[in-house]
Amino acid sequence: MTRVFTVEHRRRISESCMGRKTWSQGKKMTRDHNLKNMKAHLKYDVSLEWLNSFEDIEKLKYLNHSIARERDYRGFTTDIYKQFIEKFYNDGKFNALFEKWRVTKDKWMKPSLDHIKAKCNGGTLLLDNLQFVSWLENRAKVDIPQGEWESMKMRINEYF
């Protein structure tokens, strides 16, 4: 039988746990532990050997997180997922953005998944329609067509 907690009970539990350290705080998990944990939480059927073929686990986690929302992965199969990871793990533009963000942790530089042709304008979730741009650029671009956006970026000083 499932016990239903009242709002007051949840508040008391929360207060009693404040400041308490988690069991893993300060501990460094092994690479194998991280990969097994990642495999257990993925929606796709990939092998540990495949995951282990990627050197940078943090970059792999970031790519997984970038398609965690249903609207981003809808229609993805295991094969498409693998193609997505392999494409962007080795993508020069993504890597440059990711490394810059990893060092600075500047929220404006954070890599953000963008649809080259916006979904509202008939764009698809096909890999050819996806790219990574900075968070700021993605918010500024919104649903502007890619060609028009490139033109605007070249003339950016005219807008200020």
C-alpha atoms as a PDB file:
ATOM      1  CA  MET A   1       0.000   0.000   0.000  1.00  0.00           C
ATOM      2  CA  THR A   2       1.353   3.412  -0.980  1.00  0.00           C
ATOM      3  CA  ARG A   3       1.390   6.016   1.749  1.00  0.00           C
ATOM      4  CA  VAL A   4       0.194   9.474   0.727  1.00  0.00           C
ATOM      5  CA  PHE A   5       2.287  12.248   2.242  1.00  0.00           C
ATOM      6  CA  THR A   6       0.663  15.491   3.225  1.00  0.00           C
ATOM      7  CA  VAL A   7       2.185  18.817   2.239  1.00  0.00           C
ATOM      8  CA  GLU A   8       3.171  19.368   5.869  1.00  0.00           C
ATOM      9  CA  HIS A   9       4.882  15.969   6.058  1.00  0.00           C
ATOM     10  CA  ARG A  10       6.869  16.676   2.886  1.00  0.00           C
ATOM     11  CA  ARG A  11       7.903  20.067   4.259  1.00  0.00           C
ATOM     12  CA  ARG A  12       9.197  18.441   7.474  1.00  0.00           C
ATOM     13  CA  ILE A  13      11.149  15.821   5.510  1.00  0.00           C
ATOM     14  CA  SER A  14      12.668  18.569   3.384  1.00  0.00           C
ATOM     15  CA  GLU A  15      13.660  20.610   6.436  1.00  0.00           C
ATOM     16  CA  SER A  16      15.226  17.614   8.179  1.00  0.00           C
ATOM     17  CA  CYS A  17      17.335  16.802   5.111  1.00  0.00           C
ATOM     18  CA  MET A  18      18.642  20.333   4.528  1.00  0.00           C
ATOM     19  CA  GLY A  19      22.389  20.513   4.811  1.00  0.00           C
ATOM     20  CA  ARG A  20      22.764  16.754   4.884  1.00  0.00           C
ATOM     21  CA  LYS A  21      25.510  15.449   2.639  1.00  0.00           C
ATOM     22  CA  THR A  22      24.646  12.902  -0.028  1.00  0.00           C
ATOM     23  CA  TRP A  23      26.474   9.579   0.041  1.00  0.00           C
ATOM     24  CA  SER A  24      28.385  10.465  -3.138  1.00  0.00           C
ATOM     25  CA  GLN A  25      29.437  13.996  -2.194  1.00  0.00           C
ATOM     26  CA  GLY A  26      33.186  14.365  -2.580  1.00  0.00           C
ATOM     27  CA  LYS A  27      33.594  10.926  -4.141  1.00  0.00           C
ATOM     28  CA  LYS A  28      34.788  10.439  -7.699  1.00  0.00           C
ATOM     29  CA  MET A  29      32.882   7.789  -9.601  1.00  0.00           C
ATOM     30  CA  THR A  30      34.846   5.499 -11.894  1.00  0.00           C
ATOM     31  CA  ARG A  31      34.509   5.675 -15.653  1.00  0.00           C
ATOM     32  CA  ASP A  32      32.858   2.218 -15.684  1.00  0.00           C
ATOM     33  CA  HIS A  33      30.360   3.309 -13.033  1.00  0.00           C
ATOM     34  CA  ASN A  34      29.453   6.423 -15.050  1.00  0.00           C
ATOM     35  CA  LEU A  35      29.049   4.459 -18.283  1.00  0.00           C
ATOM     36  CA  LYS A  36      26.885   1.777 -16.651  1.00  0.00           C
ATOM     37  CA  ASN A  37      24.737   4.482 -15.081  1.00  0.00           C
ATOM     38  CA  MET A  38      24.399   6.235 -18.440  1.00  0.00           C
ATOM     39  CA  LYS A  39      23.449   2.990 -20.196  1.00  0.00           C
ATOM     40  CA  ALA A  40      20.833   2.218 -17.539  1.00  0.00           C
ATOM     41  CA  HIS A  41      19.148   5.592 -18.036  1.00  0.00           C
ATOM     42  CA  LEU A  42      19.229   5.796 -21.833  1.00  0.00           C
ATOM     43  CA  LYS A  43      16.067   5.293 -23.851  1.00  0.00           C
ATOM     44  CA  TYR A  44      18.095   3.505 -26.516  1.00  0.00           C
ATOM     45  CA  ASP A  45      19.585   0.036 -26.706  1.00  0.00           C
ATOM     46  CA  VAL A  46      23.316   0.691 -26.977  1.00  0.00           C
ATOM     47  CA  SER A  47      26.161  -1.439 -25.715  1.00  0.00           C
ATOM     48  CA  LEU A  48      28.691  -0.509 -23.055  1.00  0.00           C
ATOM     49  CA  GLU A  49      31.403  -1.085 -25.650  1.00  0.00           C
ATOM     50  CA  TRP A  50      29.844   1.537 -27.910  1.00  0.00           C
ATOM     51  CA  LEU A  51      29.586   4.038 -25.052  1.00  0.00           C
ATOM     52  CA  ASN A  52      33.150   3.228 -24.024  1.00  0.00           C
ATOM     53  CA  SER A  53      34.383   4.171 -27.501  1.00  0.00           C
ATOM     54  CA  PHE A  54      33.870   7.836 -26.571  1.00  0.00           C
ATOM     55  CA  GLU A  55      36.758   9.308 -24.613  1.00  0.00           C
ATOM     56  CA  ASP A  56      35.034  12.342 -23.075  1.00  0.00           C
ATOM     57  CA  ILE A  57      32.155  11.237 -20.856  1.00  0.00           C
ATOM     58  CA  GLU A  58      31.145  14.802 -19.991  1.00  0.00           C
ATOM     59  CA  LYS A  59      30.694  15.640 -23.678  1.00  0.00           C
ATOM     60  CA  LEU A  60      28.696  12.429 -24.152  1.00  0.00           C
ATOM     61  CA  LYS A  61      26.481  13.336 -21.173  1.00  0.00           C
ATOM     62  CA  TYR A  62      25.925  16.790 -22.630  1.00  0.00           C
ATOM     63  CA  LEU A  63      24.860  15.391 -26.006  1.00  0.00           C
ATOM     64  CA  ASN A  64      22.468  12.986 -24.263  1.00  0.00           C
ATOM     65  CA  HIS A  65      21.025  15.820 -22.225  1.00  0.00           C
ATOM     66  CA  SER A  66      20.559  17.974 -25.330  1.00  0.00           C
ATOM     67  CA  ILE A  67      17.953  15.537 -26.679  1.00  0.00           C
ATOM     68  CA  ALA A  68      16.363  14.625 -23.355  1.00  0.00           C
ATOM     69  CA  ARG A  69      13.109  16.482 -24.000  1.00  0.00           C
ATOM     70  CA  GLU A  70      10.448  14.520 -25.834  1.00  0.00           C
ATOM     71  CA  ARG A  71      10.020  17.222 -28.468  1.00  0.00           C
ATOM     72  CA  ASP A  72      13.696  16.787 -29.397  1.00  0.00           C
ATOM     73  CA  TYR A  73      13.948  12.992 -29.528  1.00  0.00           C
ATOM     74  CA  ARG A  74      10.479  12.117 -30.824  1.00  0.00           C
ATOM     75  CA  GLY A  75      10.976   9.704 -33.705  1.00  0.00           C
ATOM     76  CA  PHE A  76      14.564   8.855 -32.750  1.00  0.00           C
ATOM     77  CA  THR A  77      15.442   5.184 -33.026  1.00  0.00           C
ATOM     78  CA  THR A  78      18.574   3.591 -31.608  1.00  0.00           C
ATOM     79  CA  ASP A  79      20.269   3.927 -35.007  1.00  0.00           C
ATOM     80  CA  ILE A  80      19.366   7.623 -35.330  1.00  0.00           C
ATOM     81  CA  TYR A  81      20.489   8.202 -31.736  1.00  0.00           C
ATOM     82  CA  LYS A  82      23.870   6.627 -32.498  1.00  0.00           C
ATOM     83  CA  GLN A  83      24.218   8.723 -35.655  1.00  0.00           C
ATOM     84  CA  PHE A  84      23.345  11.864 -33.652  1.00  0.00           C
ATOM     85  CA  ILE A  85      25.997  11.135 -31.009  1.00  0.00           C
ATOM     86  CA  GLU A  86      28.664  10.184 -33.553  1.00  0.00           C
ATOM     87  CA  LYS A  87      27.950  13.225 -35.732  1.00  0.00           C
ATOM     88  CA  PHE A  88      28.035  15.847 -33.007  1.00  0.00           C
ATOM     89  CA  TYR A  89      30.680  14.221 -30.796  1.00  0.00           C
ATOM     90  CA  ASN A  90      33.103  14.778 -33.694  1.00  0.00           C
ATOM     91  CA  ASP A  91      31.577  18.038 -34.983  1.00  0.00           C
ATOM     92  CA  GLY A  92      34.091  20.910 -34.996  1.00  0.00           C
ATOM     93  CA  LYS A  93      31.516  23.633 -34.330  1.00  0.00           C
ATOM     94  CA  PHE A  94      29.982  21.753 -31.407  1.00  0.00           C
ATOM     95  CA  ASN A  95      33.394  20.928 -29.949  1.00  0.00           C
ATOM     96  CA  ALA A  96      34.568  24.552 -30.135  1.00  0.00           C
ATOM     97  CA  LEU A  97      31.395  25.775 -28.410  1.00  0.00           C
ATOM     98  CA  PHE A  98      31.471  23.003 -25.814  1.00  0.00           C
ATOM     99  CA  GLU A  99      35.131  23.580 -24.910  1.00  0.00           C
ATOM    100  CA  LYS A 100      34.629  27.338 -24.618  1.00  0.00           C
ATOM    101  CA  TRP A 101      31.574  26.805 -22.420  1.00  0.00           C
ATOM    102  CA  ARG A 102      33.276  24.089 -20.341  1.00  0.00           C
ATOM    103  CA  VAL A 103      36.067  26.520 -19.443  1.00  0.00           C
ATOM    104  CA  THR A 104      34.009  29.668 -18.890  1.00  0.00           C
ATOM    105  CA  LYS A 105      30.617  28.228 -17.808  1.00  0.00           C
ATOM    106  CA  ASP A 106      29.192  31.365 -19.436  1.00  0.00           C
ATOM    107  CA  LYS A 107      25.461  30.661 -19.856  1.00  0.00           C
ATOM    108  CA  TRP A 108      25.383  32.695 -23.077  1.00  0.00           C
ATOM    109  CA  MET A 109      28.003  30.375 -24.643  1.00  0.00           C
ATOM    110  CA  LYS A 110      26.317  27.112 -23.656  1.00  0.00           C
ATOM    111  CA  PRO A 111      25.824  24.882 -26.736  1.00  0.00           C
ATOM    112  CA  SER A 112      22.170  24.718 -27.724  1.00  0.00           C
ATOM    113  CA  LEU A 113      20.544  22.373 -30.233  1.00  0.00           C
ATOM    114  CA  ASP A 114      19.068  24.359 -33.112  1.00  0.00           C
ATOM    115  CA  HIS A 115      16.927  23.422 -36.089  1.00  0.00           C
ATOM    116  CA  ILE A 116      18.435  24.932 -39.229  1.00  0.00           C
ATOM    117  CA  LYS A 117      14.940  25.131 -40.692  1.00  0.00           C
ATOM    118  CA  ALA A 118      12.571  25.752 -37.781  1.00  0.00           C
ATOM    119  CA  LYS A 119       9.983  23.074 -37.081  1.00  0.00           C
ATOM    120  CA  CYS A 120       7.240  25.709 -37.320  1.00  0.00           C
ATOM    121  CA  ASN A 121       8.411  26.398 -40.887  1.00  0.00           C
ATOM    122  CA  GLY A 122       8.347  22.738 -41.897  1.00  0.00           C
ATOM    123  CA  GLY A 123      11.741  21.706 -40.510  1.00  0.00           C
ATOM    124  CA  THR A 124      12.290  18.130 -39.413  1.00  0.00           C
ATOM    125  CA  LEU A 125      14.211  16.245 -36.757  1.00  0.00           C
ATOM    126  CA  LEU A 126      16.513  14.772 -39.392  1.00  0.00           C
ATOM    127  CA  LEU A 127      20.185  15.072 -38.496  1.00  0.00           C
ATOM    128  CA  ASP A 128      20.839  17.284 -41.531  1.00  0.00           C
ATOM    129  CA  ASN A 129      18.479  19.874 -40.031  1.00  0.00           C
ATOM    130  CA  LEU A 130      20.196  19.985 -36.626  1.00  0.00           C
ATOM    131  CA  GLN A 131      23.161  22.075 -35.513  1.00  0.00           C
ATOM    132  CA  PHE A 132      24.625  23.390 -32.285  1.00  0.00           C
ATOM    133  CA  VAL A 133      24.891  27.134 -31.750  1.00  0.00           C
ATOM    134  CA  SER A 134      25.436  29.174 -28.605  1.00  0.00           C
ATOM    135  CA  TRP A 135      22.458  29.604 -26.300  1.00  0.00           C
ATOM    136  CA  LEU A 136      22.385  33.329 -27.049  1.00  0.00           C
ATOM    137  CA  GLU A 137      22.446  32.777 -30.817  1.00  0.00           C
ATOM    138  CA  ASN A 138      19.680  30.181 -30.607  1.00  0.00           C
ATOM    139  CA  ARG A 139      17.460  32.569 -28.642  1.00  0.00           C
ATOM    140  CA  ALA A 140      18.172  35.414 -31.048  1.00  0.00           C
ATOM    141  CA  LYS A 141      17.626  33.319 -34.192  1.00  0.00           C
ATOM    142  CA  VAL A 142      14.242  31.957 -33.046  1.00  0.00           C
ATOM    143  CA  ASP A 143      12.595  30.827 -36.326  1.00  0.00           C
ATOM    144  CA  ILE A 144      14.448  33.075 -38.777  1.00  0.00           C
ATOM    145  CA  PRO A 145      15.486  31.133 -41.915  1.00  0.00           C
ATOM    146  CA  GLN A 146      19.181  30.138 -41.832  1.00  0.00           C
ATOM    147  CA  GLY A 147      20.205  32.185 -44.882  1.00  0.00           C
ATOM    148  CA  GLU A 148      18.555  35.321 -43.554  1.00  0.00           C
ATOM    149  CA  TRP A 149      20.121  34.697 -40.134  1.00  0.00           C
ATOM    150  CA  GLU A 150      23.624  34.376 -41.632  1.00  0.00           C
ATOM    151  CA  SER A 151      23.070  37.692 -43.437  1.00  0.00           C
ATOM    152  CA  MET A 152      21.922  39.345 -40.211  1.00  0.00           C
ATOM    153  CA  LYS A 153      24.970  38.042 -38.328  1.00  0.00           C
ATOM    154  CA  MET A 154      27.301  39.573 -40.914  1.00  0.00           C
ATOM    155  CA  ARG A 155      25.560  42.953 -40.511  1.00  0.00           C
ATOM    156  CA  ILE A 156      25.104  42.703 -36.729  1.00  0.00           C
ATOM    157  CA  ASN A 157      26.687  46.105 -36.025  1.00  0.00           C
ATOM    158  CA  GLU A 158      23.961  47.782 -38.091  1.00  0.00           C
ATOM    159  CA  TYR A 159      21.418  46.688 -35.485  1.00  0.00           C
ATOM    160  CA  PHE A 160      23.156  48.416 -32.564  1.00  0.00           C
END
